[in-house]
Protein backbone atom coordinates (compact mmCIF):
# COMPACT_ATOMS: atom_id res chain seq x y z
CA MET A 1 8.83 -15.28 17.87
CA ASN A 2 7.85 -18.26 15.75
CA ARG A 3 8.63 -18.59 12.05
CA TYR A 4 7.45 -21.26 9.62
CA THR A 5 8.54 -21.87 6.03
CA LEU A 6 6.32 -24.61 4.64
CA SER A 7 5.14 -25.98 1.33
CA PHE A 8 1.44 -25.65 0.56
CA ILE A 9 0.87 -29.37 0.44
CA SER A 10 1.99 -29.95 4.03
CA LEU A 11 0.77 -26.70 5.49
CA PRO A 12 -2.61 -27.59 7.07
CA LEU A 13 -1.28 -30.54 9.08
CA LEU A 14 1.92 -28.90 10.30
CA LEU A 15 0.53 -25.48 11.08
CA SER A 16 -2.45 -26.88 12.95
CA SER A 17 0.02 -28.49 15.32
CA ALA A 18 2.31 -25.46 15.49
CA LEU A 19 -0.44 -23.07 16.56
CA SER A 20 -2.54 -25.43 18.66
CA ALA A 21 -1.90 -23.32 21.75
CA LYS A 22 -3.84 -20.50 20.16
CA ASP A 23 -6.33 -22.70 18.28
CA LEU A 24 -5.88 -20.53 15.22
CA ASN A 25 -4.99 -22.54 12.14
CA ILE A 26 -3.91 -19.81 9.71
CA GLY A 27 -2.75 -22.49 7.30
CA GLN A 28 -6.30 -23.47 6.38
CA TYR A 29 -6.56 -20.22 4.40
CA PHE A 30 -3.52 -21.03 2.26
CA THR A 31 -4.26 -24.59 1.17
CA ILE A 32 -3.27 -25.12 -2.48
CA GLN A 33 -2.74 -28.36 -4.38
CA ASP A 34 1.05 -28.34 -4.61
CA ASN A 35 4.11 -26.27 -3.77
CA GLU A 36 4.94 -25.23 -7.34
CA THR A 37 2.95 -22.05 -6.93
CA PRO A 38 3.41 -18.43 -5.99
CA GLY A 39 2.54 -17.76 -2.38
CA CYS A 40 2.38 -15.42 0.59
CA GLY A 41 4.13 -14.17 3.69
CA VAL A 42 2.00 -13.55 6.79
CA GLY A 43 2.76 -11.79 10.05
CA ILE A 44 0.76 -11.17 13.24
CA VAL A 45 1.81 -8.25 15.43
CA GLN A 46 0.92 -8.14 19.12
CA SER A 47 1.68 -4.86 20.86
CA ASP A 48 5.23 -4.00 19.79
CA LYS A 49 6.35 -7.43 18.57
CA LEU A 50 5.98 -9.60 15.49
CA ILE A 51 4.88 -12.75 17.29
CA GLU A 52 3.90 -15.05 14.41
CA GLN A 53 5.25 -15.47 10.89
CA LEU A 54 4.13 -17.85 8.15
CA TYR A 55 5.67 -18.28 4.69
CA VAL A 56 4.18 -20.47 1.95
CA GLY A 57 4.83 -21.00 -1.74
CA GLN A 58 7.54 -19.85 -4.09
CA SER A 59 9.18 -16.48 -4.56
CA ASN A 60 10.28 -17.73 -7.96
CA ILE A 61 8.58 -20.81 -9.41
CA ARG A 62 11.19 -21.55 -12.08
CA TYR A 63 14.04 -21.71 -9.59
CA GLN A 64 11.92 -23.08 -6.73
CA THR A 65 12.99 -20.28 -4.41
CA PRO A 66 10.76 -20.43 -1.34
CA ILE A 67 9.19 -17.32 0.15
CA ASP A 68 10.74 -16.51 3.51
CA ASN A 69 11.36 -13.56 5.84
CA LYS A 70 13.81 -11.99 3.36
CA THR A 71 11.35 -12.01 0.43
CA VAL A 72 10.52 -8.53 -0.87
CA PHE A 73 7.00 -7.75 -2.11
CA ASP A 74 5.43 -4.66 -3.69
CA ILE A 75 2.76 -3.50 -1.20
CA GLY A 76 0.77 -1.47 -3.75
CA SER A 77 -1.82 0.91 -2.32
CA VAL A 78 -0.89 0.08 1.27
CA SER A 79 1.78 2.70 0.49
CA LYS A 80 -0.83 5.48 0.45
CA HIS A 81 -1.03 6.00 4.21
CA MET A 82 2.76 6.39 4.28
CA THR A 83 2.43 9.24 1.78
CA ALA A 84 -0.30 10.76 3.97
CA TYR A 85 2.01 10.37 6.97
CA ILE A 86 4.68 12.49 5.28
CA ILE A 87 2.09 15.19 4.58
CA MET A 88 1.14 15.09 8.30
CA ALA A 89 4.81 15.41 9.26
CA LEU A 90 5.38 18.38 6.95
CA GLU A 91 2.22 20.00 8.29
CA SER A 92 3.43 19.51 11.87
CA GLU A 93 6.67 21.25 10.88
CA GLY A 94 4.76 24.18 9.37
CA LEU A 95 5.98 23.48 5.85
CA LEU A 96 2.53 23.03 4.34
CA SER A 97 -1.14 22.79 5.27
CA GLN A 98 -3.83 20.35 4.20
CA LYS A 99 -5.94 23.45 3.47
CA GLN A 100 -3.56 24.52 0.73
CA THR A 101 -4.76 23.99 -2.82
CA LEU A 102 -3.23 22.67 -6.01
CA ALA A 103 -2.98 26.27 -7.17
CA ASP A 104 -0.42 26.91 -4.42
CA PHE A 105 1.92 24.36 -5.98
CA TYR A 106 1.01 24.55 -9.69
CA LYS A 107 0.78 28.23 -10.61
CA ASP A 108 0.07 27.42 -14.26
CA GLY A 109 -2.86 25.12 -13.48
CA PRO A 110 -6.51 25.73 -14.43
CA ASP A 111 -8.79 27.88 -12.26
CA TRP A 112 -10.41 24.84 -10.64
CA PHE A 113 -7.05 23.98 -9.02
CA ASN A 114 -7.99 26.69 -6.50
CA ASN A 115 -10.79 24.43 -5.25
CA VAL A 116 -8.79 21.22 -4.67
CA THR A 117 -7.05 21.03 -1.30
CA LEU A 118 -4.45 18.55 -0.10
CA PHE A 119 -7.16 17.21 2.22
CA HIS A 120 -9.26 16.43 -0.85
CA LEU A 121 -6.35 14.58 -2.46
CA ILE A 122 -5.67 12.51 0.66
CA HIS A 123 -9.33 11.52 1.05
CA HIS A 124 -10.17 10.93 -2.65
CA GLN A 125 -12.48 13.93 -2.71
CA SER A 126 -10.72 15.85 -5.51
CA GLY A 127 -12.78 14.67 -8.47
CA ILE A 128 -9.57 14.11 -10.47
CA PRO A 129 -9.85 10.88 -12.52
CA ASP A 130 -7.73 7.87 -11.60
CA TYR A 131 -4.88 7.55 -14.11
CA LEU A 132 -4.85 3.76 -13.69
CA ASN A 133 -8.56 2.95 -13.91
CA ASP A 134 -10.15 5.82 -15.83
CA THR A 135 -10.29 5.13 -19.58
CA GLU A 136 -9.77 8.75 -20.68
CA SER A 137 -6.79 9.16 -18.35
CA ALA A 138 -5.18 5.90 -19.45
CA LEU A 139 -5.59 6.73 -23.16
CA TYR A 140 -4.12 10.21 -22.65
CA LEU A 141 -1.04 8.82 -20.89
CA MET A 142 -0.63 6.06 -23.47
CA LYS A 143 -0.66 8.55 -26.34
CA ARG A 144 1.82 10.79 -24.54
CA PHE A 145 4.05 7.85 -23.78
CA LYS A 146 4.19 6.87 -27.46
CA THR A 147 5.54 10.31 -28.35
CA ASN A 148 8.58 9.95 -26.06
CA ASP A 149 11.12 7.85 -27.95
CA LYS A 150 13.52 7.59 -25.00
CA GLU A 151 10.99 6.26 -22.51
CA LEU A 152 9.27 4.08 -25.10
CA ASN A 153 12.59 2.49 -26.04
CA THR A 154 13.39 1.89 -22.35
CA ALA A 155 10.06 0.10 -21.85
CA LEU A 156 10.41 -1.97 -25.04
CA TRP A 157 13.72 -3.29 -23.72
CA GLY A 158 12.17 -4.24 -20.40
CA GLY A 159 13.34 -1.23 -18.40
CA MET A 160 11.44 1.08 -16.06
CA VAL A 161 10.11 4.47 -17.13
CA ASP A 162 11.73 7.46 -15.43
CA LYS A 163 9.69 8.62 -12.44
CA SER A 164 10.03 12.33 -13.20
CA TYR A 165 8.60 11.71 -16.68
CA LEU A 166 5.63 9.80 -15.29
CA PHE A 167 5.00 12.49 -12.66
CA SER A 168 5.12 15.25 -15.27
CA GLU A 169 2.64 13.46 -17.54
CA ILE A 170 0.18 12.76 -14.71
CA VAL A 171 0.39 16.39 -13.59
CA GLY A 172 -0.02 17.42 -17.23
CA PHE A 173 -3.15 15.32 -17.60
CA SER A 174 -4.65 16.94 -14.51
CA LYS A 175 -3.85 20.43 -15.81
CA GLN A 176 -5.54 19.90 -19.17
CA LEU A 177 -8.86 18.82 -17.63
CA LYS A 178 -11.56 21.46 -18.03
CA SER A 179 -13.02 20.52 -14.65
CA PRO A 180 -12.99 17.69 -12.11
CA THR A 181 -15.67 15.00 -12.36
CA PHE A 182 -17.48 16.48 -9.33
CA THR A 183 -17.18 19.54 -7.12
CA PRO A 184 -14.20 18.86 -4.82
CA GLY A 185 -15.27 17.92 -1.31
CA THR A 186 -18.81 16.86 -2.25
CA SER A 187 -18.19 13.19 -3.06
CA ILE A 188 -15.55 10.47 -2.94
CA SER A 189 -14.00 8.55 -5.83
CA TYR A 190 -10.83 6.51 -5.36
CA SER A 191 -8.03 8.17 -7.31
CA ASN A 192 -4.40 7.09 -7.52
CA THR A 193 -3.76 10.36 -9.34
CA GLY A 194 -4.30 12.33 -6.14
CA TYR A 195 -1.52 10.44 -4.36
CA VAL A 196 0.92 10.89 -7.25
CA LEU A 197 0.22 14.62 -6.98
CA LEU A 198 0.88 14.43 -3.23
CA ALA A 199 4.25 12.75 -3.85
CA ASP A 200 5.13 15.45 -6.38
CA ILE A 201 4.10 18.15 -3.90
CA ILE A 202 6.25 16.51 -1.20
CA GLU A 203 9.23 16.79 -3.56
CA LYS A 204 8.44 20.46 -4.26
CA VAL A 205 8.13 21.34 -0.55
CA THR A 206 11.19 19.43 0.66
CA ASN A 207 13.38 19.85 -2.42
CA ASN A 208 14.12 16.18 -1.93
CA LYS A 209 13.28 13.03 -3.88
CA PHE A 210 10.21 11.23 -2.59
CA GLU A 211 12.15 7.98 -2.17
CA ASP A 212 14.73 9.75 0.01
CA GLU A 213 12.11 11.63 2.03
CA ILE A 214 10.11 8.52 2.91
CA ALA A 215 13.32 6.68 3.79
CA SER A 216 14.51 9.42 6.15
CA ARG A 217 11.12 9.77 7.86
CA ILE A 218 10.01 6.13 8.12
CA PHE A 219 12.41 3.44 6.93
CA ILE A 220 15.66 4.63 8.50
CA PRO A 221 14.30 5.61 11.96
CA LEU A 222 12.52 2.25 12.26
CA LYS A 223 15.47 0.27 10.84
CA MET A 224 13.40 -1.03 7.92
CA SER A 225 16.58 -1.94 6.06
CA ASN A 226 14.84 -4.05 3.40
CA THR A 227 12.27 -1.42 2.39
CA GLN A 228 12.43 1.23 -0.31
CA ALA A 229 10.33 3.21 -2.75
CA SER A 230 10.51 1.91 -6.30
CA THR A 231 12.50 3.97 -8.82
CA LYS A 232 14.23 3.43 -12.14
CA ASP A 233 17.55 3.24 -10.28
CA ASN A 234 16.53 0.38 -7.96
CA PHE A 235 14.51 -1.60 -10.49
CA LEU A 236 16.39 -4.81 -9.59
CA ILE A 237 16.03 -5.51 -5.86
CA ASN A 238 17.72 -8.29 -3.91
CA TRP A 239 15.31 -10.99 -2.76
CA LYS A 240 12.33 -9.47 -4.58
CA ALA A 241 9.63 -12.01 -5.40
CA SER A 242 8.61 -12.56 -8.99
CA SER A 243 4.95 -11.71 -9.56
CA TYR A 244 2.47 -13.98 -11.32
CA TYR A 245 -0.98 -14.24 -12.85
CA VAL A 246 -2.92 -17.17 -14.29
CA ASP A 247 -3.00 -17.14 -18.10
CA LYS A 248 -5.81 -18.37 -20.34
CA TYR A 249 -4.37 -21.89 -20.25
CA GLY A 250 -4.46 -22.05 -16.47
CA ASN A 251 -0.70 -21.71 -16.07
CA TYR A 252 1.17 -19.28 -13.84
CA ALA A 253 2.75 -16.57 -16.00
CA HIS A 254 5.25 -13.93 -14.93
CA SER A 255 3.88 -10.39 -14.61
CA HIS A 256 5.88 -7.18 -15.00
CA THR A 257 5.32 -3.42 -15.03
CA MET A 258 7.51 -0.64 -16.38
CA LEU A 259 5.79 2.14 -14.40
CA PRO A 260 7.58 3.40 -11.25
CA SER A 261 4.58 3.98 -9.01
CA GLN A 262 5.24 6.47 -6.18
CA GLY A 263 2.92 8.15 -3.72
CA ASP A 264 0.04 5.88 -4.70
CA GLY A 265 2.09 2.68 -4.42
CA GLY A 266 5.49 1.25 -5.24
CA ILE A 267 6.89 0.54 -1.78
CA GLN A 268 8.97 -2.66 -1.74
CA SER A 269 9.15 -4.39 1.64
CA THR A 270 9.21 -7.60 3.66
CA VAL A 271 6.88 -8.97 6.33
CA PRO A 272 9.35 -8.24 9.19
CA ASP A 273 9.95 -4.69 7.93
CA MET A 274 6.23 -3.90 7.57
CA ALA A 275 5.79 -5.29 11.07
CA LYS A 276 8.24 -2.67 12.38
CA TRP A 277 6.08 0.08 10.88
CA MET A 278 2.91 -1.52 12.23
CA GLU A 279 4.46 -1.84 15.69
CA HIS A 280 5.17 1.90 15.64
CA LEU A 281 1.58 2.65 14.60
CA ILE A 282 0.24 0.46 17.42
CA LYS A 283 2.71 1.49 20.11
CA PRO A 284 5.03 4.32 18.95
CA LYS A 285 8.76 3.87 19.41
CA TYR A 286 9.28 7.64 19.84
CA ALA A 287 7.25 10.85 20.03
CA ASP A 288 5.57 11.24 16.66
CA GLU A 289 3.03 13.99 16.01
CA ALA A 290 2.52 12.84 12.44
CA ARG A 291 1.39 9.43 13.70
CA GLU A 292 -1.17 11.11 15.94
CA LYS A 293 -2.51 13.09 12.98
CA LEU A 294 -2.59 9.97 10.81
CA LEU A 295 -4.70 7.94 13.23
CA ALA A 296 -7.61 10.33 13.49
CA LEU A 297 -10.74 8.17 13.23
CA SER A 298 -12.46 9.85 16.18
CA LYS A 299 -11.26 13.38 15.31
CA GLY A 300 -13.18 15.29 12.67
CA GLU A 301 -15.53 14.35 9.86
CA TYR A 302 -14.44 11.89 7.18
CA PRO A 303 -16.37 10.48 4.22
CA ALA A 304 -18.12 7.13 4.37
CA PHE A 305 -16.37 4.60 2.16
CA THR A 306 -17.58 1.28 0.77
CA THR A 307 -14.68 -1.15 0.46
CA TYR A 308 -14.44 -3.76 -2.27
CA TRP A 309 -11.52 -5.73 -0.87
CA GLY A 310 -9.86 -6.84 2.34
CA ALA A 311 -11.37 -7.93 5.65
CA VAL A 312 -15.13 -8.54 5.55
CA GLU A 313 -15.66 -6.41 8.65
CA PHE A 314 -14.65 -3.24 6.78
CA LYS A 315 -17.29 -3.85 4.08
CA MET A 316 -20.24 -3.72 6.49
CA GLY A 317 -21.16 -0.03 6.68
CA ASP A 318 -19.75 2.88 8.68
CA SER A 319 -16.25 2.54 7.26
CA LYS A 320 -14.44 5.82 6.61
CA TYR A 321 -11.46 6.76 4.50
CA VAL A 322 -9.03 8.47 6.86
CA ASN A 323 -5.57 9.58 5.70
CA GLY A 324 -4.90 6.70 3.34
CA LEU A 325 -6.54 4.06 5.55
CA ILE A 326 -9.99 2.50 5.83
CA ALA A 327 -11.09 3.14 9.43
CA LYS A 328 -13.84 1.70 11.57
CA ASN A 329 -14.76 1.05 15.22
CA LEU A 330 -14.72 -2.72 15.72
CA TYR A 331 -14.41 -5.16 18.62
CA GLY A 332 -13.79 -2.49 21.23
CA GLY A 333 -11.20 -0.50 19.32
CA GLU A 334 -10.37 1.69 16.36
CA PHE A 335 -9.22 -0.44 13.45
CA TYR A 336 -7.36 0.75 10.37
CA SER A 337 -6.94 -1.23 7.18
CA HIS A 338 -5.92 -1.07 3.54
CA SER A 339 -5.36 -3.51 0.71
CA GLY A 340 -2.70 -3.13 -1.93
CA TYR A 341 -2.74 -4.28 -5.54
CA SER A 342 0.61 -3.57 -7.17
CA LEU A 343 0.91 -2.80 -10.88
CA ASP A 344 2.66 -6.13 -11.44
CA GLY A 345 -0.04 -8.17 -9.70
CA MET A 346 1.03 -8.58 -6.07
CA VAL A 347 -1.53 -8.27 -3.26
CA THR A 348 -1.04 -7.03 0.30
CA GLU A 349 -3.48 -6.91 3.23
CA PHE A 350 -2.67 -4.67 6.19
CA TRP A 351 -4.78 -3.97 9.27
CA PHE A 352 -4.14 -3.00 12.90
CA SER A 353 -5.73 -1.59 16.05
CA PRO A 354 -3.82 0.60 18.53
CA GLU A 355 -6.47 0.00 21.24
CA ARG A 356 -6.53 -3.80 20.87
CA GLU A 357 -2.74 -3.78 20.20
CA VAL A 358 -2.97 -6.27 17.37
CA GLY A 359 -2.30 -6.25 13.65
CA TYR A 360 -2.08 -8.48 10.59
CA ILE A 361 0.10 -8.40 7.45
CA GLN A 362 -0.31 -10.58 4.37
CA MET A 363 1.91 -10.14 1.32
CA CYS A 364 1.47 -12.31 -1.79
CA ASN A 365 3.15 -12.44 -5.19
CA TYR A 366 -0.10 -13.10 -7.03
CA LYS A 367 -3.73 -12.13 -6.58
CA TYR A 368 -4.51 -14.32 -3.57
CA LEU A 369 -7.56 -12.92 -1.80
CA LYS A 370 -8.16 -15.31 1.11
CA MET A 371 -7.24 -14.26 4.64
CA PRO A 372 -8.20 -15.30 8.20
CA PRO A 373 -11.24 -13.47 9.64
CA LEU A 374 -10.15 -10.36 11.49
CA ASN A 375 -12.23 -11.27 14.54
CA ASN A 376 -10.48 -14.64 14.95
CA ILE A 377 -7.10 -12.94 15.18
CA VAL A 378 -8.41 -10.24 17.53
CA GLN A 379 -9.88 -12.90 19.85
CA GLN A 380 -6.65 -14.88 20.00
CA TYR A 381 -4.05 -12.09 20.03
CA GLY A 382 -5.77 -8.81 20.87
CA LYS A 383 -5.31 -6.92 24.13
CA GLY A 384 -8.07 -7.51 26.69
CA ASN A 385 -8.78 -11.16 25.85
């Protein structure tokens, strides 16, 4: 396994030499003027091994702390398929069914809760507005937040809002809606709200905190020792990268969020740890029925989905949203992908193919959207070449 920790300014020359055997110069996609910038960690998985790693830029610009294999990033919406995986595991154990509705878990909900199934939540077919991107939802939560002196004071002093409070307010917003925006199951509209509801339902079914449930089912079995779900109690994480955005003066400014995203996002991880999960998805380390349910591109009907981010190949028709992943048949295999935008501005790209036994991870501490073409990596590292 090769690992490179390089500054941006020297990256193209050095990496071109380092990967000449494969003729794949990943460094050309990360060329920036100097090394006083945020950056990215990149990993390429082949079969059941992380075979290439690349680290560029700074985890913290002020202290010139370079990004390396210990750097922790927030993977944002890449977390969603992990939430779906837990639902698949609970279903395999007979503890719930994707056919169950919101009414089964929220007895005091409106009548239309009877028409929204867990399947609808997983596949963004619920019609429930997105609490992060829908104006009405955001205004509702903001007004509610201002009425809670304890949580408002915590946020004003730079702390993180309590997860149970956020969950209760998002559930409360859903309950007060007179109806969803469309009849559940008839359309698709990306909704982070649905995945927060799934996380809350997981806690109800297991009588366990979501962060503990995902650790026991994914992180601990796969020895992902540097990965955890974000909570108020683990707000400060060792080796976590600072996140950045470019302000109106063209300078990098630190970005921060006080919302503890769970279910829809909020997983903190490293490139090597995410590679362990990807390796299991490509070539399972142990018998795992939930994994089989998760990777179901060729089994059943799933809605077409137009992507607005990530690998170009997933934006060219016939993509489907399957269990928290964008799925498509490409290059002689089933490929699964998702991008993640964290609330504090980090960006993650994540794609893999069990048939071609190849995958790619890119984790950045600012909104860096460039990545090598999927086909180039498949040609150089995929099975069957």
